[in-house]
Amino acid sequence: MKNKRIVAITFSLLLTLSSYGQQITPEEFLQKIEFCNTNLPNELIPEIKKELKQLENHFIERGLLVDNSGKSYYNVYKRIAETNSFNFQTNISLTILDSLAPQTITTCFFKLLTEDQLSKVNQHHLESASNNAKGFDGETTIGVIAQRFVDLFTSEDFELDYFKQSSLLGFYKMSSPNNGILSVFPKYEVKSNANELLQINLNEQSEIWIFGKAIDMDHLTKLVEDFIKIDPIQRAISINSSRNASYESYLKMIEAVNKSINELREELASQKFKMSFSELSSEQKNQVKKAVPRNVIISELK
């Protein structure tokens, strides 16, 4: 009976907390369980919990967190949202967390929680987590991402062990120079028949290269916009990045590409409807989005 309850709670969580808010079928649920049993064996759980506690203590000692309260975690997101930056670096090294892919821990989080901890997850947490996993229409910066956390959750929500553990992992990946890009950064799901690609490469020195030449971030937006506007349907942006590139540079590159597409949508909204994109009806927005799709292909980190 106890095991059935844990499985039921876990399935409910996975329905909304995984795959960026996309619901999963019972078959996919069983596949995830099998994946987690293979990639996160039970004997590692005590060590991972120990490293997460060590990480929390480290962040408290270094001043990122005031204490281990939910309010302290919540305030970190508030600071990031207000400053649009995460100016914190650490040189701590954690054997297990460094060896596991972030997706493994975020997918298999339920293995780190007790039955009592799982039972504290309520409908508000599920709905908020699902909304948090949705994509962004506008510019995507670290401040925008943090603001969504601030808007959707409360300091009381961060008393929940799942949100503390997820936050610790995220803070660690962003603050450690050895981890580079946060590989759980939201991805675009692209379904495109585009046959012309503009390849953007971000190397390990966080330099942007296009057509074999290095360009600065200020010129990236215009270059992308000029390329797409010739034929928004048939042209797409392909992003390739080194896993050693800085998280900040990666985020700025995504922001620049996003800004280019948004500006083209604004231009079309003004020409066709004599309104800004935000003033359009849902049907009108869909027309503009169809005419200027977000054809962005993000490759696996290299």
Protein backbone atom coordinates (compact mmCIF):
# COMPACT_ATOMS: atom_id res chain seq x y z
CA MET A 1 0.00 0.00 0.00
CA LYS A 2 2.81 2.38 0.91
CA ASN A 3 4.67 1.70 -2.36
CA LYS A 4 1.49 2.19 -4.39
CA ARG A 5 0.97 5.58 -2.76
CA ILE A 6 4.52 6.68 -3.57
CA VAL A 7 4.11 5.56 -7.20
CA ALA A 8 0.77 7.38 -7.48
CA ILE A 9 2.24 10.63 -6.12
CA THR A 10 5.31 10.27 -8.31
CA PHE A 11 3.21 9.75 -11.45
CA SER A 12 1.15 12.83 -10.60
CA LEU A 13 4.33 14.88 -10.22
CA LEU A 14 5.90 13.60 -13.41
CA LEU A 15 2.76 14.50 -15.33
CA THR A 16 3.45 18.17 -14.71
CA LEU A 17 7.06 18.60 -13.60
CA SER A 18 8.85 16.87 -16.46
CA SER A 19 9.34 17.41 -20.18
CA TYR A 20 8.78 21.17 -19.80
CA GLY A 21 5.13 20.85 -18.84
CA GLN A 22 4.13 18.33 -21.52
CA GLN A 23 2.01 15.52 -20.09
CA ILE A 24 3.35 12.00 -20.32
CA THR A 25 1.54 8.73 -20.91
CA PRO A 26 1.64 5.75 -18.51
CA GLU A 27 4.05 4.04 -20.92
CA GLU A 28 6.39 7.06 -20.82
CA PHE A 29 6.08 7.09 -17.05
CA LEU A 30 7.30 3.49 -16.87
CA GLN A 31 10.16 4.36 -19.22
CA LYS A 32 11.18 7.21 -16.92
CA ILE A 33 11.10 4.89 -13.91
CA GLU A 34 13.32 2.44 -15.78
CA PHE A 35 15.63 5.28 -16.85
CA CYS A 36 15.95 6.49 -13.27
CA ASN A 37 16.58 3.03 -11.86
CA THR A 38 19.39 2.61 -14.40
CA ASN A 39 20.97 6.06 -14.26
CA LEU A 40 20.37 6.93 -10.62
CA PRO A 41 20.84 3.71 -8.62
CA ASN A 42 19.58 3.66 -5.04
CA GLU A 43 23.08 3.37 -3.59
CA LEU A 44 23.89 6.87 -4.88
CA ILE A 45 20.92 8.55 -3.18
CA PRO A 46 22.51 8.99 0.29
CA GLU A 47 25.66 10.48 -1.26
CA ILE A 48 23.66 12.88 -3.45
CA LYS A 49 21.65 14.06 -0.44
CA LYS A 50 24.89 14.55 1.47
CA GLU A 51 26.37 16.63 -1.39
CA LEU A 52 23.21 18.73 -1.67
CA LYS A 53 23.40 19.49 2.06
CA GLN A 54 27.10 20.30 1.68
CA LEU A 55 26.20 22.62 -1.21
CA GLU A 56 23.51 24.37 0.82
CA ASN A 57 25.93 24.95 3.70
CA HIS A 58 28.51 26.28 1.25
CA PHE A 59 26.02 28.78 -0.22
CA ILE A 60 25.11 29.93 3.29
CA GLU A 61 28.77 30.36 4.25
CA ARG A 62 29.46 32.32 1.05
CA GLY A 63 26.41 34.56 1.51
CA LEU A 64 24.30 33.47 -1.44
CA LEU A 65 21.74 32.10 1.01
CA VAL A 66 21.08 33.67 4.40
CA ASP A 67 19.95 30.35 5.88
CA ASN A 68 18.14 27.20 4.77
CA SER A 69 14.66 28.73 4.92
CA GLY A 70 12.34 28.89 1.92
CA LYS A 71 12.38 32.68 2.21
CA SER A 72 16.15 32.70 1.71
CA TYR A 73 15.84 30.67 -1.51
CA TYR A 74 12.99 32.86 -2.74
CA ASN A 75 15.03 36.01 -2.13
CA VAL A 76 17.82 34.73 -4.38
CA TYR A 77 15.35 34.61 -7.28
CA LYS A 78 14.12 38.09 -6.37
CA ARG A 79 17.69 39.46 -6.51
CA ILE A 80 18.32 37.81 -9.87
CA ALA A 81 15.05 39.22 -11.23
CA GLU A 82 15.83 42.73 -9.96
CA THR A 83 19.44 42.83 -11.21
CA ASN A 84 19.05 40.55 -14.25
CA SER A 85 22.31 38.89 -13.25
CA PHE A 86 23.77 36.09 -11.16
CA ASN A 87 27.05 37.47 -9.91
CA PHE A 88 28.21 34.56 -7.81
CA GLN A 89 30.99 32.08 -8.42
CA THR A 90 32.13 29.06 -6.51
CA ASN A 91 35.02 26.67 -6.86
CA ILE A 92 33.51 23.86 -4.82
CA SER A 93 33.69 20.42 -6.44
CA LEU A 94 31.14 17.69 -5.77
CA THR A 95 31.96 14.21 -7.03
CA ILE A 96 28.48 12.78 -7.63
CA LEU A 97 26.73 15.95 -8.82
CA ASP A 98 29.59 16.68 -11.22
CA SER A 99 29.39 13.18 -12.71
CA LEU A 100 25.64 13.14 -13.32
CA ALA A 101 23.86 14.97 -16.12
CA PRO A 102 21.53 17.65 -14.69
CA GLN A 103 18.61 16.11 -16.59
CA THR A 104 19.13 12.85 -14.69
CA ILE A 105 18.61 14.52 -11.32
CA THR A 106 15.71 16.73 -12.46
CA THR A 107 13.96 13.79 -14.14
CA CYS A 108 14.57 11.44 -11.21
CA PHE A 109 14.03 13.92 -8.37
CA PHE A 110 11.38 11.69 -6.80
CA LYS A 111 14.08 9.22 -5.79
CA LEU A 112 15.60 11.88 -3.53
CA LEU A 113 12.36 12.52 -1.65
CA THR A 114 10.73 10.56 1.14
CA GLU A 115 7.07 9.62 1.11
CA ASP A 116 6.37 12.42 3.58
CA GLN A 117 8.19 14.96 1.37
CA LEU A 118 6.30 13.77 -1.72
CA SER A 119 2.95 14.01 0.06
CA LYS A 120 3.51 17.73 0.74
CA VAL A 121 3.29 18.52 -2.97
CA ASN A 122 -0.19 19.96 -3.59
CA GLN A 123 -2.18 21.08 -6.64
CA HIS A 124 -0.80 24.62 -6.39
CA HIS A 125 2.76 23.29 -6.69
CA LEU A 126 1.83 21.13 -9.67
CA GLU A 127 0.05 23.93 -11.54
CA SER A 128 2.80 26.46 -10.78
CA ALA A 129 5.53 24.05 -11.87
CA SER A 130 3.64 23.33 -15.10
CA ASN A 131 3.23 27.06 -15.83
CA ASN A 132 6.88 27.64 -14.99
CA ALA A 133 7.88 25.07 -17.62
CA LYS A 134 6.17 26.93 -20.46
CA GLY A 135 8.26 28.73 -23.06
CA PHE A 136 8.82 32.48 -23.35
CA ASP A 137 7.37 34.67 -26.12
CA GLY A 138 9.53 37.71 -25.44
CA GLU A 139 13.16 38.25 -24.58
CA THR A 140 14.58 35.46 -22.45
CA THR A 141 17.10 36.66 -19.90
CA ILE A 142 18.16 35.25 -16.58
CA GLY A 143 16.13 38.03 -14.95
CA VAL A 144 13.00 37.08 -16.91
CA ILE A 145 13.39 33.43 -15.90
CA ALA A 146 13.87 34.37 -12.25
CA GLN A 147 10.89 36.74 -12.33
CA ARG A 148 8.67 33.86 -13.40
CA PHE A 149 9.73 31.97 -10.27
CA VAL A 150 8.93 35.04 -8.18
CA ASP A 151 5.51 35.44 -9.80
CA LEU A 152 4.46 31.80 -9.60
CA PHE A 153 5.84 30.74 -6.23
CA THR A 154 5.94 32.06 -2.68
CA SER A 155 8.62 31.78 -0.04
CA GLU A 156 6.49 29.09 1.62
CA ASP A 157 6.65 27.01 -1.57
CA PHE A 158 10.43 26.92 -1.28
CA GLU A 159 10.12 25.13 2.04
CA LEU A 160 9.35 22.14 -0.18
CA ASP A 161 12.41 19.92 -0.55
CA TYR A 162 11.92 19.46 -4.29
CA PHE A 163 12.18 23.18 -5.01
CA LYS A 164 15.15 23.55 -2.69
CA GLN A 165 16.99 20.69 -4.37
CA SER A 166 16.19 21.99 -7.87
CA SER A 167 17.35 25.47 -6.89
CA LEU A 168 20.58 24.19 -5.36
CA LEU A 169 21.35 22.31 -8.56
CA GLY A 170 20.57 25.35 -10.71
CA PHE A 171 22.63 27.73 -8.56
CA TYR A 172 25.52 25.27 -8.62
CA LYS A 173 25.48 24.89 -12.41
CA MET A 174 25.38 28.65 -12.90
CA SER A 175 28.04 29.52 -10.35
CA SER A 176 30.66 26.89 -11.11
CA PRO A 177 33.16 27.81 -13.86
CA ASN A 178 33.64 24.11 -14.52
CA ASN A 179 30.03 23.63 -15.51
CA GLY A 180 29.68 26.35 -18.13
CA ILE A 181 26.20 26.50 -19.63
CA LEU A 182 23.26 25.42 -17.56
CA SER A 183 22.18 22.50 -19.71
CA VAL A 184 18.65 22.51 -18.34
CA PHE A 185 18.06 25.91 -19.94
CA PRO A 186 14.63 25.99 -21.70
CA LYS A 187 14.83 24.69 -25.24
CA TYR A 188 12.72 25.59 -28.26
CA GLU A 189 10.73 22.81 -29.85
CA VAL A 190 11.12 23.46 -33.55
CA LYS A 191 9.06 21.87 -36.30
CA SER A 192 10.28 23.55 -39.45
CA ASN A 193 10.70 22.85 -43.13
CA ALA A 194 13.24 25.62 -43.44
CA ASN A 195 15.96 24.82 -45.95
CA GLU A 196 18.31 27.75 -45.33
CA LEU A 197 20.23 27.96 -42.07
CA LEU A 198 22.24 30.70 -40.41
CA GLN A 199 24.69 28.90 -38.18
CA ILE A 200 25.71 30.67 -34.97
CA ASN A 201 28.58 29.17 -33.01
CA LEU A 202 29.49 30.02 -29.42
CA ASN A 203 32.96 28.70 -28.64
CA GLU A 204 34.55 27.82 -25.31
CA GLN A 205 35.93 31.37 -25.00
CA SER A 206 32.30 32.60 -25.25
CA GLU A 207 32.98 34.19 -28.65
CA ILE A 208 30.26 34.26 -31.31
CA TRP A 209 31.31 33.10 -34.78
CA ILE A 210 29.23 33.39 -37.96
CA PHE A 211 30.49 32.73 -41.50
CA GLY A 212 33.96 32.06 -40.05
CA LYS A 213 34.17 35.50 -38.44
CA ALA A 214 33.86 36.61 -34.82
CA ILE A 215 31.11 39.19 -34.21
CA ASP A 216 30.02 41.05 -31.10
CA MET A 217 26.67 40.65 -29.39
CA ASP A 218 25.47 44.11 -30.52
CA HIS A 219 25.62 43.13 -34.19
CA LEU A 220 24.06 39.70 -33.72
CA THR A 221 20.46 40.92 -33.47
CA LYS A 222 20.58 42.90 -36.73
CA LEU A 223 22.40 40.16 -38.59
CA VAL A 224 19.80 37.57 -37.54
CA GLU A 225 16.92 39.93 -38.37
CA ASP A 226 18.32 40.74 -41.83
CA PHE A 227 18.75 37.03 -42.56
CA ILE A 228 15.27 35.94 -41.43
CA LYS A 229 13.25 38.78 -42.99
CA ILE A 230 14.15 37.68 -46.53
CA ASP A 231 12.02 34.55 -46.05
CA PRO A 232 10.85 33.85 -42.45
CA ILE A 233 9.31 30.51 -43.44
CA GLN A 234 12.26 29.03 -45.28
CA ARG A 235 15.04 30.46 -43.14
CA ALA A 236 16.05 29.24 -39.68
CA ILE A 237 18.70 29.90 -37.05
CA SER A 238 20.96 27.04 -35.97
CA ILE A 239 22.74 27.52 -32.64
CA ASN A 240 25.78 25.48 -31.70
CA SER A 241 27.58 25.98 -28.40
CA SER A 242 30.51 24.65 -26.47
CA ARG A 243 29.51 23.32 -23.06
CA ASN A 244 32.42 25.38 -21.67
CA ALA A 245 30.98 28.68 -22.86
CA SER A 246 29.75 30.96 -20.11
CA TYR A 247 26.10 30.75 -19.13
CA GLU A 248 25.78 34.54 -19.40
CA SER A 249 27.03 34.60 -23.01
CA TYR A 250 24.76 31.72 -23.97
CA LEU A 251 21.77 33.50 -22.47
CA LYS A 252 22.62 36.78 -24.23
CA MET A 253 22.94 34.94 -27.54
CA ILE A 254 19.49 33.38 -27.12
CA GLU A 255 18.12 36.78 -26.12
CA ALA A 256 19.56 38.41 -29.26
CA VAL A 257 18.00 35.78 -31.52
CA ASN A 258 14.69 36.07 -29.69
CA LYS A 259 14.78 39.84 -30.01
CA SER A 260 15.27 39.62 -33.78
CA ILE A 261 12.22 37.43 -34.23
CA ASN A 262 10.12 39.58 -31.90
CA GLU A 263 11.05 42.74 -33.80
CA LEU A 264 10.02 41.14 -37.10
CA ARG A 265 6.70 40.14 -35.55
CA GLU A 266 6.20 43.68 -34.28
CA GLU A 267 6.92 45.03 -37.76
CA LEU A 268 4.41 42.67 -39.37
CA ALA A 269 1.75 43.42 -36.71
CA SER A 270 2.12 47.11 -37.39
CA GLN A 271 1.96 46.69 -41.17
CA LYS A 272 -0.95 44.28 -41.24
CA PHE A 273 -3.09 45.33 -38.26
CA LYS A 274 -1.81 48.82 -37.38
CA MET A 275 -1.21 47.63 -33.81
CA SER A 276 1.64 46.38 -31.70
CA PHE A 277 1.95 42.62 -31.30
CA SER A 278 0.84 42.76 -27.64
CA GLU A 279 -2.41 44.50 -28.66
CA LEU A 280 -3.44 41.81 -31.14
CA SER A 281 -6.15 39.26 -30.51
CA SER A 282 -5.17 35.61 -30.08
CA GLU A 283 -6.19 34.86 -33.65
CA GLN A 284 -4.18 37.80 -34.99
CA LYS A 285 -1.14 36.79 -32.94
CA ASN A 286 -1.34 33.29 -34.38
CA GLN A 287 -1.39 34.74 -37.90
CA VAL A 288 1.74 36.75 -37.18
CA LYS A 289 3.48 33.81 -35.53
CA LYS A 290 2.65 31.62 -38.51
CA ALA A 291 4.08 34.21 -40.88
CA VAL A 292 7.18 34.70 -38.72
CA PRO A 293 7.76 31.35 -36.97
CA ARG A 294 10.39 30.93 -34.29
CA ASN A 295 12.62 28.72 -36.39
CA VAL A 296 15.44 28.22 -33.91
CA ILE A 297 17.34 24.96 -33.73
CA ILE A 298 19.51 24.47 -30.65
CA SER A 299 21.98 21.60 -31.00
CA GLU A 300 23.31 19.46 -28.19
CA LEU A 301 26.22 21.03 -26.31
CA LYS A 302 29.64 20.02 -27.59
